[in-house]
């Protein structure tokens, strides 16, 4: 992976850290992660698919917390933590694998 692409992937971890510290909202995190991933443009289909699936889950969890149509109580904090951990693991793997 090229250095500038690796830097974009590493910025994804920094954005998760900002969310964890309360400095950005979950919808902002979802938006930023999407943009950084698209900018990094990983070419391998299996990588794209796995991140797309995880990002979709993250987006859905965000909607359960922010959209007026979402009934109270459907958001799952444990699921959100698990999604963020999968994203962190993918970011760490990218740093080691490329």
N, C-alpha and C. Protein backbone atom coordinates (compact mmCIF):
# COMPACT_ATOMS: atom_id res chain seq x y z
N UNK A 1 0.86 -1.17 0.00
CA UNK A 1 0.00 0.00 0.00
C UNK A 1 0.91 1.23 0.00
N UNK A 2 0.53 2.20 -0.79
CA UNK A 2 1.30 3.43 -0.89
C UNK A 2 1.21 4.21 0.42
N UNK A 3 2.26 4.99 0.68
CA UNK A 3 2.33 5.73 1.95
C UNK A 3 1.14 6.65 2.16
N UNK A 4 0.70 7.36 1.12
CA UNK A 4 -0.42 8.28 1.32
C UNK A 4 -1.72 7.51 1.61
N UNK A 5 -1.86 6.33 1.04
CA UNK A 5 -3.05 5.51 1.33
C UNK A 5 -2.99 4.98 2.76
N UNK A 6 -1.81 4.57 3.18
CA UNK A 6 -1.64 4.10 4.56
C UNK A 6 -1.95 5.23 5.54
N UNK A 7 -1.52 6.44 5.21
CA UNK A 7 -1.80 7.59 6.08
C UNK A 7 -3.31 7.84 6.19
N UNK A 8 -4.03 7.68 5.10
CA UNK A 8 -5.49 7.85 5.14
C UNK A 8 -6.12 6.79 6.03
N UNK A 9 -5.66 5.56 5.90
CA UNK A 9 -6.18 4.47 6.75
C UNK A 9 -5.89 4.77 8.21
N UNK A 10 -4.69 5.26 8.50
CA UNK A 10 -4.34 5.59 9.89
C UNK A 10 -5.19 6.74 10.42
N UNK A 11 -5.59 7.65 9.55
CA UNK A 11 -6.48 8.73 9.97
C UNK A 11 -7.84 8.18 10.41
N UNK A 12 -8.21 7.03 9.87
CA UNK A 12 -9.46 6.41 10.30
C UNK A 12 -9.38 6.07 11.79
N UNK A 13 -8.24 5.55 12.22
CA UNK A 13 -8.06 5.24 13.65
C UNK A 13 -8.13 6.50 14.49
N UNK A 14 -7.54 7.58 14.00
CA UNK A 14 -7.58 8.84 14.73
C UNK A 14 -9.01 9.35 14.86
N UNK A 15 -9.83 9.15 13.83
CA UNK A 15 -11.22 9.59 13.89
C UNK A 15 -12.00 8.76 14.92
N UNK A 16 -11.73 7.46 14.98
CA UNK A 16 -12.38 6.61 15.99
C UNK A 16 -11.98 7.09 17.38
N UNK A 17 -10.71 7.46 17.55
CA UNK A 17 -10.26 7.99 18.85
C UNK A 17 -11.01 9.27 19.21
N UNK A 18 -11.22 10.14 18.23
CA UNK A 18 -11.98 11.37 18.48
C UNK A 18 -13.41 11.06 18.89
N UNK A 19 -14.02 10.07 18.26
CA UNK A 19 -15.36 9.66 18.66
C UNK A 19 -15.36 9.13 20.09
N UNK A 20 -14.39 8.25 20.37
CA UNK A 20 -14.30 7.66 21.72
C UNK A 20 -14.14 8.73 22.80
N UNK A 21 -13.45 9.81 22.48
CA UNK A 21 -13.23 10.88 23.46
C UNK A 21 -14.38 11.88 23.52
N UNK A 22 -15.37 11.70 22.65
CA UNK A 22 -16.52 12.60 22.63
C UNK A 22 -16.32 13.86 21.81
N UNK A 23 -15.23 13.95 21.07
CA UNK A 23 -14.94 15.16 20.30
C UNK A 23 -15.72 15.24 18.99
N UNK A 24 -16.17 14.11 18.47
CA UNK A 24 -17.03 14.12 17.29
C UNK A 24 -18.21 13.18 17.54
N UNK A 25 -19.28 13.43 16.83
CA UNK A 25 -20.49 12.61 16.97
C UNK A 25 -20.37 11.33 16.15
N UNK A 26 -21.25 10.41 16.43
CA UNK A 26 -21.27 9.16 15.66
C UNK A 26 -21.59 9.42 14.18
N UNK A 27 -22.58 10.25 13.85
CA UNK A 27 -22.81 10.52 12.42
C UNK A 27 -21.58 11.12 11.73
N UNK A 28 -20.86 11.99 12.43
CA UNK A 28 -19.63 12.57 11.85
C UNK A 28 -18.58 11.49 11.67
N UNK A 29 -18.46 10.59 12.62
CA UNK A 29 -17.51 9.48 12.49
C UNK A 29 -17.85 8.64 11.26
N UNK A 30 -19.11 8.30 11.10
CA UNK A 30 -19.55 7.50 9.95
C UNK A 30 -19.17 8.20 8.65
N UNK A 31 -19.45 9.48 8.57
CA UNK A 31 -19.14 10.26 7.38
C UNK A 31 -17.63 10.31 7.11
N UNK A 32 -16.87 10.58 8.17
CA UNK A 32 -15.41 10.69 8.01
C UNK A 32 -14.77 9.36 7.61
N UNK A 33 -15.21 8.27 8.24
CA UNK A 33 -14.64 6.97 7.91
C UNK A 33 -14.92 6.61 6.46
N UNK A 34 -16.12 6.91 6.02
CA UNK A 34 -16.47 6.63 4.63
C UNK A 34 -15.58 7.40 3.68
N UNK A 35 -15.42 8.69 3.94
CA UNK A 35 -14.59 9.52 3.09
C UNK A 35 -13.14 9.09 3.05
N UNK A 36 -12.59 8.76 4.21
CA UNK A 36 -11.19 8.33 4.26
C UNK A 36 -10.99 6.99 3.55
N UNK A 37 -11.93 6.08 3.74
CA UNK A 37 -11.83 4.78 3.08
C UNK A 37 -11.90 4.95 1.57
N UNK A 38 -12.83 5.76 1.11
CA UNK A 38 -12.95 5.99 -0.34
C UNK A 38 -11.70 6.66 -0.89
N UNK A 39 -11.14 7.61 -0.15
CA UNK A 39 -9.93 8.29 -0.60
C UNK A 39 -8.74 7.33 -0.65
N UNK A 40 -8.67 6.40 0.30
CA UNK A 40 -7.58 5.41 0.31
C UNK A 40 -7.72 4.44 -0.85
N UNK A 41 -8.95 4.17 -1.24
CA UNK A 41 -9.27 3.36 -2.41
C UNK A 41 -8.51 2.02 -2.46
N UNK A 42 -8.70 1.17 -1.43
CA UNK A 42 -8.07 -0.15 -1.50
C UNK A 42 -8.61 -0.92 -2.70
N UNK A 43 -7.73 -1.53 -3.45
CA UNK A 43 -8.11 -2.19 -4.70
C UNK A 43 -8.60 -3.62 -4.51
N UNK A 44 -8.13 -4.29 -3.47
CA UNK A 44 -8.47 -5.69 -3.28
C UNK A 44 -9.93 -5.84 -2.90
N UNK A 45 -10.67 -6.62 -3.68
CA UNK A 45 -12.12 -6.76 -3.50
C UNK A 45 -12.48 -7.31 -2.12
N UNK A 46 -11.73 -8.26 -1.61
CA UNK A 46 -12.06 -8.83 -0.30
C UNK A 46 -11.93 -7.77 0.80
N UNK A 47 -10.95 -6.88 0.67
CA UNK A 47 -10.79 -5.80 1.65
C UNK A 47 -11.97 -4.84 1.53
N UNK A 48 -12.28 -4.44 0.32
CA UNK A 48 -13.39 -3.51 0.12
C UNK A 48 -14.70 -4.08 0.68
N UNK A 49 -14.95 -5.36 0.36
CA UNK A 49 -16.19 -5.98 0.82
C UNK A 49 -16.29 -6.04 2.34
N UNK A 50 -15.20 -6.43 2.99
CA UNK A 50 -15.25 -6.56 4.46
C UNK A 50 -15.45 -5.21 5.12
N UNK A 51 -14.79 -4.18 4.62
CA UNK A 51 -14.96 -2.86 5.21
C UNK A 51 -16.34 -2.30 4.88
N UNK A 52 -16.81 -2.52 3.67
CA UNK A 52 -18.16 -2.06 3.30
C UNK A 52 -19.20 -2.67 4.25
N UNK A 53 -19.08 -3.94 4.51
CA UNK A 53 -20.04 -4.61 5.40
C UNK A 53 -19.99 -4.00 6.80
N UNK A 54 -18.80 -3.78 7.31
CA UNK A 54 -18.65 -3.22 8.65
C UNK A 54 -19.13 -1.78 8.69
N UNK A 55 -18.79 -1.00 7.66
CA UNK A 55 -19.24 0.39 7.61
C UNK A 55 -20.77 0.46 7.56
N UNK A 56 -21.40 -0.45 6.81
CA UNK A 56 -22.85 -0.48 6.72
C UNK A 56 -23.46 -0.73 8.10
N UNK A 57 -22.87 -1.63 8.87
CA UNK A 57 -23.35 -1.88 10.23
C UNK A 57 -23.19 -0.63 11.10
N UNK A 58 -22.07 0.06 10.95
CA UNK A 58 -21.83 1.28 11.72
C UNK A 58 -22.86 2.35 11.36
N UNK A 59 -23.12 2.51 10.08
CA UNK A 59 -24.11 3.48 9.62
C UNK A 59 -25.49 3.14 10.19
N UNK A 60 -25.83 1.87 10.19
CA UNK A 60 -27.12 1.45 10.73
C UNK A 60 -27.22 1.76 12.23
N UNK A 61 -26.15 1.49 12.98
CA UNK A 61 -26.16 1.80 14.42
C UNK A 61 -26.30 3.31 14.64
N UNK A 62 -25.66 4.08 13.79
CA UNK A 62 -25.78 5.54 13.90
C UNK A 62 -27.22 5.97 13.66
N UNK A 63 -27.84 5.42 12.64
CA UNK A 63 -29.23 5.78 12.35
C UNK A 63 -30.16 5.42 13.50
N UNK A 64 -29.91 4.30 14.16
CA UNK A 64 -30.76 3.91 15.29
C UNK A 64 -30.67 4.91 16.44
N UNK A 65 -29.60 5.68 16.46
CA UNK A 65 -29.40 6.65 17.52
C UNK A 65 -29.84 8.07 17.12
N UNK A 66 -29.98 8.32 15.83
CA UNK A 66 -30.16 9.71 15.40
C UNK A 66 -31.42 9.96 14.58
N UNK A 67 -31.99 8.97 13.99
CA UNK A 67 -33.13 9.18 13.10
C UNK A 67 -34.45 9.15 13.87
N UNK A 68 -35.35 10.05 13.49
CA UNK A 68 -36.65 10.15 14.18
C UNK A 68 -37.48 8.87 14.03
N UNK A 69 -37.28 8.13 12.94
CA UNK A 69 -38.07 6.92 12.71
C UNK A 69 -37.62 5.75 13.59
N UNK A 70 -36.44 5.84 14.19
CA UNK A 70 -35.90 4.72 14.98
C UNK A 70 -36.55 4.67 16.36
N UNK A 71 -37.22 3.57 16.67
CA UNK A 71 -37.83 3.45 18.00
C UNK A 71 -36.76 3.43 19.09
N UNK A 72 -37.04 4.04 20.23
CA UNK A 72 -36.10 4.03 21.34
C UNK A 72 -35.77 2.59 21.76
N UNK A 73 -34.55 2.38 22.14
CA UNK A 73 -34.14 1.07 22.66
C UNK A 73 -33.57 0.10 21.65
N UNK A 74 -33.60 0.44 20.36
CA UNK A 74 -33.05 -0.48 19.35
C UNK A 74 -31.55 -0.39 19.21
N UNK A 75 -30.97 0.76 19.54
CA UNK A 75 -29.51 0.91 19.45
C UNK A 75 -28.85 -0.04 20.44
N UNK A 76 -27.74 -0.60 20.04
CA UNK A 76 -27.05 -1.60 20.84
C UNK A 76 -25.60 -1.16 21.07
N UNK A 77 -25.31 -0.66 22.27
CA UNK A 77 -23.97 -0.17 22.58
C UNK A 77 -22.90 -1.24 22.44
N UNK A 78 -23.22 -2.46 22.83
CA UNK A 78 -22.23 -3.56 22.70
C UNK A 78 -21.93 -3.83 21.23
N UNK A 79 -22.96 -3.79 20.39
CA UNK A 79 -22.75 -3.99 18.96
C UNK A 79 -21.91 -2.86 18.38
N UNK A 80 -22.17 -1.64 18.80
CA UNK A 80 -21.37 -0.51 18.34
C UNK A 80 -19.91 -0.69 18.73
N UNK A 81 -19.63 -1.07 19.96
CA UNK A 81 -18.24 -1.30 20.39
C UNK A 81 -17.59 -2.39 19.57
N UNK A 82 -18.33 -3.45 19.26
CA UNK A 82 -17.80 -4.55 18.46
C UNK A 82 -17.47 -4.10 17.04
N UNK A 83 -18.34 -3.29 16.46
CA UNK A 83 -18.09 -2.76 15.11
C UNK A 83 -16.82 -1.91 15.11
N UNK A 84 -16.70 -1.02 16.08
CA UNK A 84 -15.52 -0.16 16.15
C UNK A 84 -14.26 -0.98 16.36
N UNK A 85 -14.35 -2.05 17.13
CA UNK A 85 -13.19 -2.93 17.33
C UNK A 85 -12.80 -3.62 16.03
N UNK A 86 -13.78 -4.05 15.26
CA UNK A 86 -13.47 -4.67 13.96
C UNK A 86 -12.78 -3.68 13.03
N UNK A 87 -13.25 -2.44 13.05
CA UNK A 87 -12.61 -1.42 12.22
C UNK A 87 -11.17 -1.17 12.68
N UNK A 88 -10.97 -1.08 13.99
CA UNK A 88 -9.60 -0.91 14.51
C UNK A 88 -8.71 -2.08 14.13
N UNK A 89 -9.23 -3.28 14.21
CA UNK A 89 -8.45 -4.46 13.84
C UNK A 89 -8.08 -4.42 12.36
N UNK A 90 -9.00 -4.00 11.52
CA UNK A 90 -8.71 -3.89 10.09
C UNK A 90 -7.63 -2.85 9.84
N UNK A 91 -7.73 -1.71 10.53
CA UNK A 91 -6.73 -0.65 10.38
C UNK A 91 -5.35 -1.17 10.81
N UNK A 92 -5.28 -1.87 11.94
CA UNK A 92 -4.00 -2.42 12.40
C UNK A 92 -3.47 -3.45 11.41
N UNK A 93 -4.35 -4.29 10.87
CA UNK A 93 -3.93 -5.28 9.89
C UNK A 93 -3.35 -4.61 8.65
N UNK A 94 -3.98 -3.53 8.20
CA UNK A 94 -3.47 -2.80 7.04
C UNK A 94 -2.06 -2.28 7.30
N UNK A 95 -1.84 -1.79 8.51
CA UNK A 95 -0.52 -1.27 8.85
C UNK A 95 0.54 -2.33 8.84
N UNK A 96 0.18 -3.56 9.17
CA UNK A 96 1.14 -4.66 9.20
C UNK A 96 1.25 -5.37 7.86
N UNK A 97 0.16 -5.46 7.13
CA UNK A 97 0.13 -6.27 5.93
C UNK A 97 0.69 -5.55 4.70
N UNK A 98 0.66 -4.24 4.72
CA UNK A 98 1.07 -3.52 3.50
C UNK A 98 2.30 -2.70 3.75
